Amino acid sequence: MSDYRDVNRANWDERVPAHVASPSYHVEQFLADPSYLSGVVRFDVPRLGAISGLRGVHLQCHIGTDTVSLARLGARMSGLDFSAPAVEHGQSLADRLGLSMDFHVADVYDAVDVLGSATYDFVYTGIGALCWLPDIQRWAHVVAGLLKPGGRLFVREGHPMLWSLDAGAQHPEVRYPYFETAEAIVVDEGGTYVETEVDFDSTVTHEWNHGLAEIITALQQAGLVFDSLTEHDSAPWNALPGLMTEDGAGEWRLTENPDRLAATYTLRAHKPS
């Protein structure tokens, strides 16, 4: 498998059943509690603004828990992901919850062709999405193509400062590029980021980092207006094992002096009317 998408898709396809079964994704809580929201979406409710009644699309939606959370806030949601098993679960979860939503199997770079141009009031991208894309400028043009005039982009993502660290070392060191590179960062890790005892066969991934300035500039060059950037000292998973402590809301931050690390960020932009 020489194409990065084939390599990464095999990795994600294999992890879907483990993620669905893992308590980290709280699928049973979604089914039991009609008001339950994913931790990622719940964290950003104060920043999302009013989305009730808006047509939204969640790019790289994985198994759809953030997508259905946005629907529970009143948005009319679509989800898109390149993993067919992930999309199948997302659609199944939405159907079981009685939510009218549509999910699509496609590469994010093909989203405009699949979903239509100027179709959405907002585009949502969540944690751990942009690192799978080799070209942030191409992604920005996809976002601009999907949005209606006046539509907005909302991103909650891992900070490139965090992605540059080697999370497996006892004392993390700067190991990976902060900026986008032509060559992929090839990672071979057997586990996953959620609680599971499953052993996996597809362990290799191809990833890229993107600096904050690169992301903002790409959006501006695609015709969007940059609105705000908020950097957070926490992440919704244990990104640096042994060095982070979980708070009561499911966010992890450095146990000692958490102000040393920007772990995630929230970015907002809009398409001019």
C-alpha atoms as a PDB file:
ATOM      1  CA  MET A   1       0.000   0.000   0.000  1.00  0.00           C
ATOM      2  CA  SER A   2       1.964   2.974  -1.282  1.00  0.00           C
ATOM      3  CA  ASP A   3      -0.805   5.589  -1.170  1.00  0.00           C
ATOM      4  CA  TYR A   4      -1.009   7.320   2.216  1.00  0.00           C
ATOM      5  CA  ARG A   5      -4.811   7.093   2.134  1.00  0.00           C
ATOM      6  CA  ASP A   6      -4.736   3.313   1.736  1.00  0.00           C
ATOM      7  CA  VAL A   7      -2.260   2.966   4.594  1.00  0.00           C
ATOM      8  CA  ASN A   8      -4.224   5.236   6.901  1.00  0.00           C
ATOM      9  CA  ARG A   9      -7.609   3.811   5.909  1.00  0.00           C
ATOM     10  CA  ALA A  10      -6.480   0.296   6.826  1.00  0.00           C
ATOM     11  CA  ASN A  11      -5.413   1.604  10.225  1.00  0.00           C
ATOM     12  CA  TRP A  12      -8.716   3.391  10.868  1.00  0.00           C
ATOM     13  CA  ASP A  13     -10.939   0.607   9.474  1.00  0.00           C
ATOM     14  CA  GLU A  14      -9.397  -1.906  11.860  1.00  0.00           C
ATOM     15  CA  ARG A  15      -9.902   0.352  14.883  1.00  0.00           C
ATOM     16  CA  VAL A  16     -13.584   1.119  14.333  1.00  0.00           C
ATOM     17  CA  PRO A  17     -14.974  -1.920  16.257  1.00  0.00           C
ATOM     18  CA  ALA A  18     -12.596  -1.279  19.146  1.00  0.00           C
ATOM     19  CA  HIS A  19     -13.533   2.394  19.291  1.00  0.00           C
ATOM     20  CA  VAL A  20     -17.261   1.628  19.183  1.00  0.00           C
ATOM     21  CA  ALA A  21     -16.852  -0.863  22.047  1.00  0.00           C
ATOM     22  CA  SER A  22     -14.495   1.310  24.096  1.00  0.00           C
ATOM     23  CA  PRO A  23     -15.912   3.195  27.096  1.00  0.00           C
ATOM     24  CA  SER A  24     -13.872   6.166  25.888  1.00  0.00           C
ATOM     25  CA  TYR A  25     -16.432   6.868  23.135  1.00  0.00           C
ATOM     26  CA  HIS A  26     -19.442   6.487  25.457  1.00  0.00           C
ATOM     27  CA  VAL A  27     -21.727   4.941  22.837  1.00  0.00           C
ATOM     28  CA  GLU A  28     -23.936   3.391  25.523  1.00  0.00           C
ATOM     29  CA  GLN A  29     -24.363   6.777  27.200  1.00  0.00           C
ATOM     30  CA  PHE A  30     -25.511   8.279  23.907  1.00  0.00           C
ATOM     31  CA  LEU A  31     -28.144   5.557  23.668  1.00  0.00           C
ATOM     32  CA  ALA A  32     -29.241   5.848  27.301  1.00  0.00           C
ATOM     33  CA  ASP A  33     -29.286   9.634  27.726  1.00  0.00           C
ATOM     34  CA  PRO A  34     -30.999  11.821  25.074  1.00  0.00           C
ATOM     35  CA  SER A  35     -29.118  14.890  26.347  1.00  0.00           C
ATOM     36  CA  TYR A  36     -25.633  13.343  26.325  1.00  0.00           C
ATOM     37  CA  LEU A  37     -22.940  15.134  24.287  1.00  0.00           C
ATOM     38  CA  SER A  38     -19.405  14.048  23.476  1.00  0.00           C
ATOM     39  CA  GLY A  39     -16.743  15.606  25.661  1.00  0.00           C
ATOM     40  CA  VAL A  40     -15.165  17.354  22.675  1.00  0.00           C
ATOM     41  CA  VAL A  41     -18.391  19.096  21.667  1.00  0.00           C
ATOM     42  CA  ARG A  42     -19.388  19.805  25.269  1.00  0.00           C
ATOM     43  CA  PHE A  43     -16.035  21.542  25.849  1.00  0.00           C
ATOM     44  CA  ASP A  44     -16.677  23.945  22.971  1.00  0.00           C
ATOM     45  CA  VAL A  45     -20.375  24.711  23.499  1.00  0.00           C
ATOM     46  CA  PRO A  46     -19.493  28.218  24.783  1.00  0.00           C
ATOM     47  CA  ARG A  47     -17.531  28.882  21.571  1.00  0.00           C
ATOM     48  CA  LEU A  48     -19.791  27.189  19.017  1.00  0.00           C
ATOM     49  CA  GLY A  49     -22.445  29.865  19.081  1.00  0.00           C
ATOM     50  CA  ALA A  50     -26.017  29.219  17.977  1.00  0.00           C
ATOM     51  CA  ILE A  51     -26.175  26.286  15.537  1.00  0.00           C
ATOM     52  CA  SER A  52     -29.807  25.221  15.947  1.00  0.00           C
ATOM     53  CA  GLY A  53     -31.460  24.998  12.546  1.00  0.00           C
ATOM     54  CA  LEU A  54     -28.191  25.416  10.650  1.00  0.00           C
ATOM     55  CA  ARG A  55     -27.014  22.968   7.980  1.00  0.00           C
ATOM     56  CA  GLY A  56     -23.643  21.615   9.098  1.00  0.00           C
ATOM     57  CA  VAL A  57     -21.071  19.087   7.933  1.00  0.00           C
ATOM     58  CA  HIS A  58     -18.508  17.319  10.084  1.00  0.00           C
ATOM     59  CA  LEU A  59     -15.444  16.474   8.009  1.00  0.00           C
ATOM     60  CA  GLN A  60     -13.449  13.385   9.009  1.00  0.00           C
ATOM     61  CA  CYS A  61     -16.227  12.428  11.398  1.00  0.00           C
ATOM     62  CA  HIS A  62     -14.978   8.915  12.298  1.00  0.00           C
ATOM     63  CA  ILE A  63     -17.742   6.992  14.147  1.00  0.00           C
ATOM     64  CA  GLY A  64     -20.002  10.021  14.417  1.00  0.00           C
ATOM     65  CA  THR A  65     -20.209  10.737  18.143  1.00  0.00           C
ATOM     66  CA  ASP A  66     -19.264  14.404  17.721  1.00  0.00           C
ATOM     67  CA  THR A  67     -21.546  14.603  14.683  1.00  0.00           C
ATOM     68  CA  VAL A  68     -24.611  13.376  16.547  1.00  0.00           C
ATOM     69  CA  SER A  69     -23.696  15.695  19.439  1.00  0.00           C
ATOM     70  CA  LEU A  70     -23.913  18.663  17.073  1.00  0.00           C
ATOM     71  CA  ALA A  71     -27.265  17.342  15.849  1.00  0.00           C
ATOM     72  CA  ARG A  72     -28.465  17.171  19.448  1.00  0.00           C
ATOM     73  CA  LEU A  73     -27.666  20.881  19.682  1.00  0.00           C
ATOM     74  CA  GLY A  74     -30.155  21.446  16.883  1.00  0.00           C
ATOM     75  CA  ALA A  75     -28.009  21.446  13.735  1.00  0.00           C
ATOM     76  CA  ARG A  76     -28.997  19.522  10.595  1.00  0.00           C
ATOM     77  CA  MET A  77     -25.830  17.477  10.226  1.00  0.00           C
ATOM     78  CA  SER A  78     -23.980  15.552   7.554  1.00  0.00           C
ATOM     79  CA  GLY A  79     -20.886  13.479   8.268  1.00  0.00           C
ATOM     80  CA  LEU A  80     -18.046  12.516   5.940  1.00  0.00           C
ATOM     81  CA  ASP A  81     -15.174  10.092   6.456  1.00  0.00           C
ATOM     82  CA  PHE A  82     -12.985   7.916   4.260  1.00  0.00           C
ATOM     83  CA  SER A  83     -13.542   4.817   6.434  1.00  0.00           C
ATOM     84  CA  ALA A  84     -16.607   2.840   5.355  1.00  0.00           C
ATOM     85  CA  PRO A  85     -16.927   0.959   8.688  1.00  0.00           C
ATOM     86  CA  ALA A  86     -16.761   4.278  10.575  1.00  0.00           C
ATOM     87  CA  VAL A  87     -19.454   5.839   8.385  1.00  0.00           C
ATOM     88  CA  GLU A  88     -21.624   2.739   8.733  1.00  0.00           C
ATOM     89  CA  HIS A  89     -21.462   3.058  12.507  1.00  0.00           C
ATOM     90  CA  GLY A  90     -22.122   6.804  12.426  1.00  0.00           C
ATOM     91  CA  GLN A  91     -25.256   6.293  10.347  1.00  0.00           C
ATOM     92  CA  SER A  92     -26.369   3.399  12.550  1.00  0.00           C
ATOM     93  CA  LEU A  93     -25.911   5.457  15.711  1.00  0.00           C
ATOM     94  CA  ALA A  94     -27.869   8.373  14.264  1.00  0.00           C
ATOM     95  CA  ASP A  95     -30.691   6.034  13.198  1.00  0.00           C
ATOM     96  CA  ARG A  96     -30.829   4.398  16.631  1.00  0.00           C
ATOM     97  CA  LEU A  97     -31.016   7.845  18.234  1.00  0.00           C
ATOM     98  CA  GLY A  98     -33.826   8.910  15.900  1.00  0.00           C
ATOM     99  CA  LEU A  99     -31.767  11.673  14.290  1.00  0.00           C
ATOM    100  CA  SER A 100     -32.244  12.558  10.624  1.00  0.00           C
ATOM    101  CA  MET A 101     -28.643  12.713   9.392  1.00  0.00           C
ATOM    102  CA  ASP A 102     -26.710  11.666   6.296  1.00  0.00           C
ATOM    103  CA  PHE A 103     -23.227  10.124   6.332  1.00  0.00           C
ATOM    104  CA  HIS A 104     -20.936   9.744   3.329  1.00  0.00           C
ATOM    105  CA  VAL A 105     -17.850   7.676   2.536  1.00  0.00           C
ATOM    106  CA  ALA A 106     -15.322   9.901   0.785  1.00  0.00           C
ATOM    107  CA  ASP A 107     -11.876  11.408   1.082  1.00  0.00           C
ATOM    108  CA  VAL A 108     -12.043  14.879   2.586  1.00  0.00           C
ATOM    109  CA  TYR A 109     -10.446  16.387  -0.520  1.00  0.00           C
ATOM    110  CA  ASP A 110     -13.434  15.104  -2.539  1.00  0.00           C
ATOM    111  CA  ALA A 111     -16.029  16.595  -0.186  1.00  0.00           C
ATOM    112  CA  VAL A 112     -17.271  19.324  -2.540  1.00  0.00           C
ATOM    113  CA  ASP A 113     -17.809  16.835  -5.358  1.00  0.00           C
ATOM    114  CA  VAL A 114     -19.701  14.498  -3.021  1.00  0.00           C
ATOM    115  CA  LEU A 115     -21.697  16.995  -0.945  1.00  0.00           C
ATOM    116  CA  GLY A 116     -22.112  19.955  -3.281  1.00  0.00           C
ATOM    117  CA  SER A 117     -20.782  23.478  -3.527  1.00  0.00           C
ATOM    118  CA  ALA A 118     -21.959  26.249  -1.168  1.00  0.00           C
ATOM    119  CA  THR A 119     -24.219  23.795   0.656  1.00  0.00           C
ATOM    120  CA  TYR A 120     -23.497  24.343   4.356  1.00  0.00           C
ATOM    121  CA  ASP A 121     -23.951  27.026   7.001  1.00  0.00           C
ATOM    122  CA  PHE A 122     -20.988  25.677   8.938  1.00  0.00           C
ATOM    123  CA  VAL A 123     -18.137  23.205   8.612  1.00  0.00           C
ATOM    124  CA  TYR A 124     -16.926  21.429  11.746  1.00  0.00           C
ATOM    125  CA  THR A 125     -13.573  19.706  12.127  1.00  0.00           C
ATOM    126  CA  GLY A 126     -12.667  17.991  15.396  1.00  0.00           C
ATOM    127  CA  ILE A 127      -9.684  16.675  17.304  1.00  0.00           C
ATOM    128  CA  GLY A 128      -7.104  14.641  15.385  1.00  0.00           C
ATOM    129  CA  ALA A 129      -8.266  15.364  11.824  1.00  0.00           C
ATOM    130  CA  LEU A 130      -5.844  17.732  10.117  1.00  0.00           C
ATOM    131  CA  CYS A 131      -2.768  15.626  10.895  1.00  0.00           C
ATOM    132  CA  TRP A 132      -3.927  13.082   8.291  1.00  0.00           C
ATOM    133  CA  LEU A 133      -3.838  15.603   5.440  1.00  0.00           C
ATOM    134  CA  PRO A 134      -0.681  16.354   3.430  1.00  0.00           C
ATOM    135  CA  ASP A 135      -1.817  19.718   2.031  1.00  0.00           C
ATOM    136  CA  ILE A 136      -3.518  22.243   4.323  1.00  0.00           C
ATOM    137  CA  GLN A 137      -4.086  24.720   1.475  1.00  0.00           C
ATOM    138  CA  ARG A 138      -6.082  22.148  -0.468  1.00  0.00           C
ATOM    139  CA  TRP A 139      -8.152  21.450   2.665  1.00  0.00           C
ATOM    140  CA  ALA A 140      -8.861  25.171   3.106  1.00  0.00           C
ATOM    141  CA  HIS A 141     -10.209  25.396  -0.449  1.00  0.00           C
ATOM    142  CA  VAL A 142     -12.489  22.422   0.260  1.00  0.00           C
ATOM    143  CA  VAL A 143     -13.867  24.202   3.336  1.00  0.00           C
ATOM    144  CA  ALA A 144     -14.428  27.404   1.340  1.00  0.00           C
ATOM    145  CA  GLY A 145     -16.157  25.408  -1.387  1.00  0.00           C
ATOM    146  CA  LEU A 146     -18.575  23.747   1.032  1.00  0.00           C
ATOM    147  CA  LEU A 147     -19.643  26.926   2.816  1.00  0.00           C
ATOM    148  CA  LYS A 148     -22.510  29.155   1.793  1.00  0.00           C
ATOM    149  CA  PRO A 149     -21.759  32.908   1.718  1.00  0.00           C
ATOM    150  CA  GLY A 150     -21.771  33.952   5.361  1.00  0.00           C
ATOM    151  CA  GLY A 151     -21.101  30.364   6.489  1.00  0.00           C
ATOM    152  CA  ARG A 152     -18.504  29.623   9.127  1.00  0.00           C
ATOM    153  CA  LEU A 153     -15.755  27.177   9.984  1.00  0.00           C
ATOM    154  CA  PHE A 154     -15.205  25.768  13.460  1.00  0.00           C
ATOM    155  CA  VAL A 155     -12.066  23.754  14.278  1.00  0.00           C
ATOM    156  CA  ARG A 156     -11.001  22.140  17.566  1.00  0.00           C
ATOM    157  CA  GLU A 157      -7.688  20.452  16.944  1.00  0.00           C
ATOM    158  CA  GLY A 158      -4.506  19.212  18.528  1.00  0.00           C
ATOM    159  CA  HIS A 159      -1.945  21.997  18.719  1.00  0.00           C
ATOM    160  CA  PRO A 160       1.055  21.671  16.372  1.00  0.00           C
ATOM    161  CA  MET A 161       3.229  22.268  19.444  1.00  0.00           C
ATOM    162  CA  LEU A 162       1.834  19.059  20.947  1.00  0.00           C
ATOM    163  CA  TRP A 163       2.108  17.118  17.677  1.00  0.00           C
ATOM    164  CA  SER A 164       5.822  17.990  17.478  1.00  0.00           C
ATOM    165  CA  LEU A 165       6.537  16.133  20.734  1.00  0.00           C
ATOM    166  CA  ASP A 166       7.476  12.481  21.061  1.00  0.00           C
ATOM    167  CA  ALA A 167       4.723  11.262  23.361  1.00  0.00           C
ATOM    168  CA  GLY A 168       6.388   7.908  23.938  1.00  0.00           C
ATOM    169  CA  ALA A 169       9.497   9.188  25.660  1.00  0.00           C
ATOM    170  CA  GLN A 170       9.818   9.354  29.440  1.00  0.00           C
ATOM    171  CA  HIS A 171      10.645  13.029  29.061  1.00  0.00           C
ATOM    172  CA  PRO A 172       9.027  14.264  25.827  1.00  0.00           C
ATOM    173  CA  GLU A 173      11.339  15.875  23.330  1.00  0.00           C
ATOM    174  CA  VAL A 174      10.741  17.838  20.164  1.00  0.00           C
ATOM    175  CA  ARG A 175      11.003  15.086  17.557  1.00  0.00           C
ATOM    176  CA  TYR A 176       8.551  15.851  14.762  1.00  0.00           C
ATOM    177  CA  PRO A 177       8.231  18.883  12.453  1.00  0.00           C
ATOM    178  CA  TYR A 178       6.066  21.771  13.578  1.00  0.00           C
ATOM    179  CA  PHE A 179       5.528  22.878   9.974  1.00  0.00           C
ATOM    180  CA  GLU A 180       3.995  21.055   7.020  1.00  0.00           C
ATOM    181  CA  THR A 181       6.548  18.948   5.154  1.00  0.00           C
ATOM    182  CA  ALA A 182       6.472  17.345   1.729  1.00  0.00           C
ATOM    183  CA  GLU A 183       7.317  13.938   3.162  1.00  0.00           C
ATOM    184  CA  ALA A 184       4.969  12.224   5.577  1.00  0.00           C
ATOM    185  CA  ILE A 185       5.824  11.488   9.185  1.00  0.00           C
ATOM    186  CA  VAL A 186       5.679   7.680   9.174  1.00  0.00           C
ATOM    187  CA  VAL A 187       4.569   6.287  12.528  1.00  0.00           C
ATOM    188  CA  ASP A 188       4.433   2.613  13.518  1.00  0.00           C
ATOM    189  CA  GLU A 189       2.452   2.169  16.739  1.00  0.00           C
ATOM    190  CA  GLY A 190       0.371  -0.845  17.671  1.00  0.00           C
ATOM    191  CA  GLY A 191      -2.183   0.762  19.964  1.00  0.00           C
ATOM    192  CA  THR A 192      -4.815   3.448  19.754  1.00  0.00           C
ATOM    193  CA  TYR A 193      -5.830   6.507  21.745  1.00  0.00           C
ATOM    194  CA  VAL A 194      -8.801   4.990  23.586  1.00  0.00           C
ATOM    195  CA  GLU A 195      -9.167   2.379  26.291  1.00  0.00           C
ATOM    196  CA  THR A 196      -9.122  -1.079  24.679  1.00  0.00           C
ATOM    197  CA  GLU A 197      -7.400  -4.458  25.011  1.00  0.00           C
ATOM    198  CA  VAL A 198      -7.551  -5.195  21.278  1.00  0.00           C
ATOM    199  CA  ASP A 199      -4.312  -5.974  19.429  1.00  0.00           C
ATOM    200  CA  PHE A 200      -4.098  -4.497  15.934  1.00  0.00           C
ATOM    201  CA  ASP A 201      -2.376  -5.677  12.750  1.00  0.00           C
ATOM    202  CA  SER A 202      -2.418  -2.385  10.809  1.00  0.00           C
ATOM    203  CA  THR A 203       0.013  -0.259  12.788  1.00  0.00           C
ATOM    204  CA  VAL A 204       1.596   2.149  10.278  1.00  0.00           C
ATOM    205  CA  THR A 205       0.225   5.636   9.611  1.00  0.00           C
ATOM    206  CA  HIS A 206       1.338   8.572   7.450  1.00  0.00           C
ATOM    207  CA  GLU A 207       0.830  11.949   9.113  1.00  0.00           C
ATOM    208  CA  TRP A 208       1.642  15.642   8.683  1.00  0.00           C
ATOM    209  CA  ASN A 209       1.820  18.588  11.052  1.00  0.00           C
ATOM    210  CA  HIS A 210       0.583  22.070  10.115  1.00  0.00           C
ATOM    211  CA  GLY A 211       1.721  25.229  11.877  1.00  0.00           C
ATOM    212  CA  LEU A 212      -0.888  27.687  13.094  1.00  0.00           C
ATOM    213  CA  ALA A 213       0.254  30.375  10.668  1.00  0.00           C
ATOM    214  CA  GLU A 214       0.080  27.879   7.790  1.00  0.00           C
ATOM    215  CA  ILE A 215      -3.519  27.014   8.673  1.00  0.00           C
ATOM    216  CA  ILE A 216      -4.665  30.611   9.081  1.00  0.00           C
ATOM    217  CA  THR A 217      -2.885  31.736   5.901  1.00  0.00           C
ATOM    218  CA  ALA A 218      -4.377  28.830   3.934  1.00  0.00           C
ATOM    219  CA  LEU A 219      -7.880  29.824   5.021  1.00  0.00           C
ATOM    220  CA  GLN A 220      -7.271  33.456   4.088  1.00  0.00           C
ATOM    221  CA  GLN A 221      -5.884  32.490   0.684  1.00  0.00           C
ATOM    222  CA  ALA A 222      -8.997  30.363   0.111  1.00  0.00           C
ATOM    223  CA  GLY A 223     -11.120  33.478   0.610  1.00  0.00           C
ATOM    224  CA  LEU A 224     -12.206  33.006   4.220  1.00  0.00           C
ATOM    225  CA  VAL A 225     -11.987  35.652   6.932  1.00  0.00           C
ATOM    226  CA  PHE A 226     -10.080  34.586  10.043  1.00  0.00           C
ATOM    227  CA  ASP A 227     -12.110  35.372  13.174  1.00  0.00           C
ATOM    228  CA  SER A 228     -10.424  33.960  16.273  1.00  0.00           C
ATOM    229  CA  LEU A 229      -7.905  31.523  17.704  1.00  0.00           C
ATOM    230  CA  THR A 230      -8.064  30.230  21.280  1.00  0.00           C
ATOM    231  CA  GLU A 231      -5.230  28.045  22.580  1.00  0.00           C
ATOM    232  CA  HIS A 232      -5.969  25.570  25.382  1.00  0.00           C
ATOM    233  CA  ASP A 233      -3.657  23.908  27.904  1.00  0.00           C
ATOM    234  CA  SER A 234      -5.728  20.696  27.786  1.00  0.00           C
ATOM    235  CA  ALA A 235      -6.618  17.874  25.404  1.00  0.00           C
ATOM    236  CA  PRO A 236      -9.490  15.354  25.531  1.00  0.00           C
ATOM    237  CA  TRP A 237      -7.116  12.385  25.737  1.00  0.00           C
ATOM    238  CA  ASN A 238      -3.954  11.458  27.609  1.00  0.00           C
ATOM    239  CA  ALA A 239      -1.559  12.846  25.020  1.00  0.00           C
ATOM    240  CA  LEU A 240       1.592  12.543  27.155  1.00  0.00           C
ATOM    241  CA  PRO A 241       1.179   9.446  29.336  1.00  0.00           C
ATOM    242  CA  GLY A 242       2.698   9.772  32.769  1.00  0.00           C
ATOM    243  CA  LEU A 243       2.860  13.553  32.622  1.00  0.00           C
ATOM    244  CA  MET A 244      -0.819  14.539  32.418  1.00  0.00           C
ATOM    245  CA  THR A 245      -3.736  14.503  34.854  1.00  0.00           C
ATOM    246  CA  GLU A 246      -7.416  14.261  33.934  1.00  0.00           C
ATOM    247  CA  ASP A 247      -9.860  16.812  35.283  1.00  0.00           C
ATOM    248  CA  GLY A 248     -13.512  16.153  36.053  1.00  0.00           C
ATOM    249  CA  ALA A 249     -14.613  17.085  32.531  1.00  0.00           C
ATOM    250  CA  GLY A 250     -12.483  14.567  30.626  1.00  0.00           C
ATOM    251  CA  GLU A 251      -9.697  16.988  29.677  1.00  0.00           C
ATOM    252  CA  TRP A 252      -6.035  16.171  30.280  1.00  0.00           C
ATOM    253  CA  ARG A 253      -3.315  18.719  31.033  1.00  0.00           C
ATOM    254  CA  LEU A 254       0.259  18.661  32.301  1.00  0.00           C
ATOM    255  CA  THR A 255       0.286  17.709  35.970  1.00  0.00           C
ATOM    256  CA  GLU A 256       3.040  20.203  36.708  1.00  0.00           C
ATOM    257  CA  ASN A 257       2.934  23.719  35.294  1.00  0.00           C
ATOM    258  CA  PRO A 258       0.285  23.115  32.595  1.00  0.00           C
ATOM    259  CA  ASP A 259       0.872  26.605  31.229  1.00  0.00           C
ATOM    260  CA  ARG A 260       4.048  25.267  29.572  1.00  0.00           C
ATOM    261  CA  LEU A 261       2.087  23.488  26.826  1.00  0.00           C
ATOM    262  CA  ALA A 262      -0.493  24.565  24.285  1.00  0.00           C
ATOM    263  CA  ALA A 263      -2.225  21.206  23.848  1.00  0.00           C
ATOM    264  CA  THR A 264      -5.190  22.089  21.602  1.00  0.00           C
ATOM    265  CA  TYR A 265      -6.756  25.107  19.951  1.00  0.00           C
ATOM    266  CA  THR A 266     -10.120  26.348  18.736  1.00  0.00           C
ATOM    267  CA  LEU A 267     -10.156  28.285  15.453  1.00  0.00           C
ATOM    268  CA  ARG A 268     -13.037  30.131  13.830  1.00  0.00           C
ATOM    269  CA  ALA A 269     -13.363  31.708  10.389  1.00  0.00           C
ATOM    270  CA  HIS A 270     -16.159  32.624   7.993  1.00  0.00           C
ATOM    271  CA  LYS A 271     -16.897  33.029   4.303  1.00  0.00           C
ATOM    272  CA  PRO A 272     -17.827  36.605   3.338  1.00  0.00           C
ATOM    273  CA  SER A 273     -21.449  37.165   2.364  1.00  0.00           C
END
